[in-house]
Amino acid sequence: ILTAEKSEVTSLSTGPFSGRAVFQQETLSLRISPVSTADSGVYKAEFEDTSGVFTTLCFRVSVWGE
């Protein structure tokens, strides 16, 4: 969906979230609006620390109503 670097402008990808995803650097939050049931699924977030080590977190998003 996007790539964010510390102290840099967030780069949004093209695709189904283009124009709908807003990243909030202060809270490390991602807001997608509007959402639909098609946005439900398993998502992955990758974080890289200063030593180059990656941590990957997976989470499930469920959208039940529109």
N, C-alpha and C. Protein backbone atom coordinates (compact mmCIF):
# COMPACT_ATOMS: atom_id res chain seq x y z
N ILE A 1 0.83 -1.19 0.00
CA ILE A 1 0.00 0.00 0.00
C ILE A 1 0.87 1.24 0.00
N LEU A 2 1.90 1.25 0.87
CA LEU A 2 2.75 2.43 0.93
C LEU A 2 4.10 2.10 1.52
N THR A 3 5.03 3.01 1.31
CA THR A 3 6.36 2.93 1.92
C THR A 3 6.57 4.23 2.68
N ALA A 4 6.96 4.12 3.94
CA ALA A 4 7.22 5.31 4.76
C ALA A 4 8.61 5.19 5.36
N GLU A 5 9.36 6.25 5.29
CA GLU A 5 10.69 6.32 5.89
C GLU A 5 10.67 7.39 6.96
N LYS A 6 11.43 7.20 8.01
CA LYS A 6 11.50 8.19 9.07
C LYS A 6 12.00 9.51 8.50
N SER A 7 11.30 10.58 8.83
CA SER A 7 11.66 11.94 8.42
C SER A 7 11.60 12.15 6.91
N GLU A 8 10.84 11.32 6.20
CA GLU A 8 10.68 11.50 4.76
C GLU A 8 9.20 11.48 4.40
N VAL A 9 8.89 11.98 3.22
CA VAL A 9 7.53 11.98 2.74
C VAL A 9 7.10 10.55 2.43
N THR A 10 5.87 10.23 2.77
CA THR A 10 5.33 8.90 2.52
C THR A 10 5.07 8.72 1.04
N SER A 11 5.43 7.57 0.52
CA SER A 11 5.20 7.24 -0.89
C SER A 11 4.06 6.25 -1.00
N LEU A 12 2.94 6.70 -1.59
CA LEU A 12 1.79 5.81 -1.77
C LEU A 12 1.91 5.07 -3.08
N SER A 13 1.50 3.83 -3.06
CA SER A 13 1.56 3.02 -4.27
C SER A 13 0.34 3.28 -5.15
N THR A 14 0.46 2.85 -6.37
CA THR A 14 -0.72 2.84 -7.24
C THR A 14 -1.46 1.55 -6.97
N GLY A 15 -2.67 1.44 -7.42
CA GLY A 15 -3.43 0.23 -7.20
C GLY A 15 -4.74 0.52 -6.50
N PRO A 16 -5.32 -0.50 -5.87
CA PRO A 16 -6.67 -0.34 -5.31
C PRO A 16 -6.76 0.66 -4.15
N PHE A 17 -5.65 1.01 -3.52
CA PHE A 17 -5.69 1.95 -2.40
C PHE A 17 -5.25 3.36 -2.79
N SER A 18 -4.88 3.55 -4.03
CA SER A 18 -4.46 4.86 -4.51
C SER A 18 -5.59 5.87 -4.33
N GLY A 19 -5.29 6.97 -3.67
CA GLY A 19 -6.29 8.00 -3.42
C GLY A 19 -7.18 7.72 -2.23
N ARG A 20 -7.06 6.53 -1.61
CA ARG A 20 -7.89 6.18 -0.45
C ARG A 20 -7.09 5.98 0.82
N ALA A 21 -5.77 5.84 0.70
CA ALA A 21 -4.93 5.54 1.87
C ALA A 21 -4.20 6.80 2.32
N VAL A 22 -4.27 7.07 3.62
CA VAL A 22 -3.55 8.20 4.22
C VAL A 22 -2.75 7.66 5.39
N PHE A 23 -1.43 7.89 5.38
CA PHE A 23 -0.56 7.43 6.47
C PHE A 23 -0.33 8.59 7.43
N GLN A 24 -0.50 8.33 8.73
CA GLN A 24 -0.28 9.35 9.76
C GLN A 24 1.00 8.99 10.51
N GLN A 25 2.08 9.69 10.17
CA GLN A 25 3.42 9.41 10.69
C GLN A 25 3.47 9.46 12.22
N GLU A 26 2.77 10.41 12.82
CA GLU A 26 2.86 10.60 14.28
C GLU A 26 2.39 9.38 15.05
N THR A 27 1.36 8.72 14.56
CA THR A 27 0.78 7.58 15.28
C THR A 27 1.03 6.25 14.57
N LEU A 28 1.77 6.29 13.46
CA LEU A 28 2.01 5.10 12.63
C LEU A 28 0.69 4.41 12.28
N SER A 29 -0.29 5.23 11.89
CA SER A 29 -1.62 4.74 11.55
C SER A 29 -1.87 4.85 10.06
N LEU A 30 -2.64 3.93 9.54
CA LEU A 30 -3.05 3.95 8.14
C LEU A 30 -4.56 4.04 8.10
N ARG A 31 -5.07 5.04 7.39
CA ARG A 31 -6.51 5.20 7.25
C ARG A 31 -6.87 4.97 5.79
N ILE A 32 -7.82 4.10 5.55
CA ILE A 32 -8.30 3.81 4.20
C ILE A 32 -9.77 4.21 4.16
N SER A 33 -10.11 5.09 3.24
CA SER A 33 -11.48 5.57 3.15
C SER A 33 -11.80 5.95 1.72
N PRO A 34 -12.93 5.54 1.21
CA PRO A 34 -13.90 4.65 1.83
C PRO A 34 -13.43 3.20 1.75
N VAL A 35 -13.98 2.35 2.61
CA VAL A 35 -13.66 0.93 2.58
C VAL A 35 -14.85 0.14 2.06
N SER A 36 -14.58 -1.05 1.59
CA SER A 36 -15.65 -1.95 1.16
C SER A 36 -15.29 -3.35 1.62
N THR A 37 -16.22 -4.26 1.47
CA THR A 37 -15.97 -5.64 1.87
C THR A 37 -14.82 -6.24 1.07
N ALA A 38 -14.55 -5.71 -0.12
CA ALA A 38 -13.44 -6.20 -0.94
C ALA A 38 -12.08 -5.90 -0.30
N ASP A 39 -12.04 -4.96 0.66
CA ASP A 39 -10.79 -4.63 1.34
C ASP A 39 -10.47 -5.60 2.47
N SER A 40 -11.38 -6.49 2.80
CA SER A 40 -11.12 -7.50 3.84
C SER A 40 -10.00 -8.42 3.38
N GLY A 41 -9.20 -8.88 4.32
CA GLY A 41 -8.14 -9.81 3.98
C GLY A 41 -7.00 -9.76 4.97
N VAL A 42 -5.94 -10.49 4.67
CA VAL A 42 -4.75 -10.52 5.51
C VAL A 42 -3.74 -9.53 4.94
N TYR A 43 -3.24 -8.66 5.78
CA TYR A 43 -2.28 -7.65 5.38
C TYR A 43 -0.97 -7.88 6.12
N LYS A 44 0.11 -7.35 5.57
CA LYS A 44 1.44 -7.52 6.15
C LYS A 44 2.09 -6.15 6.30
N ALA A 45 2.72 -5.92 7.44
CA ALA A 45 3.50 -4.72 7.66
C ALA A 45 4.94 -5.12 7.94
N GLU A 46 5.89 -4.51 7.25
CA GLU A 46 7.31 -4.79 7.46
C GLU A 46 7.98 -3.55 8.03
N PHE A 47 8.74 -3.75 9.08
CA PHE A 47 9.47 -2.67 9.74
C PHE A 47 10.95 -3.01 9.69
N GLU A 48 11.77 -2.02 9.36
CA GLU A 48 13.22 -2.21 9.33
C GLU A 48 13.84 -1.31 10.39
N ASP A 49 14.66 -1.89 11.27
CA ASP A 49 15.33 -1.08 12.28
C ASP A 49 16.63 -0.51 11.72
N THR A 50 17.31 0.27 12.52
CA THR A 50 18.51 0.96 12.05
C THR A 50 19.65 0.02 11.69
N SER A 51 19.61 -1.23 12.19
CA SER A 51 20.66 -2.19 11.85
C SER A 51 20.32 -3.00 10.60
N GLY A 52 19.14 -2.73 10.00
CA GLY A 52 18.75 -3.44 8.79
C GLY A 52 17.95 -4.71 9.03
N VAL A 53 17.60 -4.98 10.29
CA VAL A 53 16.81 -6.17 10.60
C VAL A 53 15.33 -5.87 10.37
N PHE A 54 14.64 -6.79 9.67
CA PHE A 54 13.22 -6.63 9.37
C PHE A 54 12.37 -7.40 10.37
N THR A 55 11.26 -6.79 10.78
CA THR A 55 10.23 -7.44 11.57
C THR A 55 8.96 -7.38 10.74
N THR A 56 8.31 -8.53 10.56
CA THR A 56 7.08 -8.60 9.77
C THR A 56 5.91 -8.95 10.68
N LEU A 57 4.84 -8.17 10.58
CA LEU A 57 3.62 -8.42 11.32
C LEU A 57 2.48 -8.64 10.34
N CYS A 58 1.69 -9.66 10.57
CA CYS A 58 0.51 -9.93 9.74
C CYS A 58 -0.74 -9.67 10.57
N PHE A 59 -1.77 -9.15 9.92
CA PHE A 59 -3.02 -8.91 10.61
C PHE A 59 -4.18 -9.07 9.65
N ARG A 60 -5.33 -9.43 10.19
CA ARG A 60 -6.52 -9.63 9.38
C ARG A 60 -7.46 -8.43 9.54
N VAL A 61 -7.96 -7.95 8.42
CA VAL A 61 -8.93 -6.85 8.40
C VAL A 61 -10.24 -7.41 7.89
N SER A 62 -11.32 -7.14 8.63
CA SER A 62 -12.64 -7.57 8.21
C SER A 62 -13.53 -6.35 8.08
N VAL A 63 -14.15 -6.20 6.92
CA VAL A 63 -15.12 -5.13 6.69
C VAL A 63 -16.47 -5.82 6.52
N TRP A 64 -17.38 -5.56 7.44
CA TRP A 64 -18.63 -6.31 7.46
C TRP A 64 -19.79 -5.56 6.81
N GLY A 65 -19.74 -4.27 6.75
CA GLY A 65 -20.83 -3.52 6.15
C GLY A 65 -20.30 -2.34 5.37
N GLU A 66 -21.11 -1.85 4.46
CA GLU A 66 -20.66 -0.70 3.65
C GLU A 66 -21.58 0.46 3.88
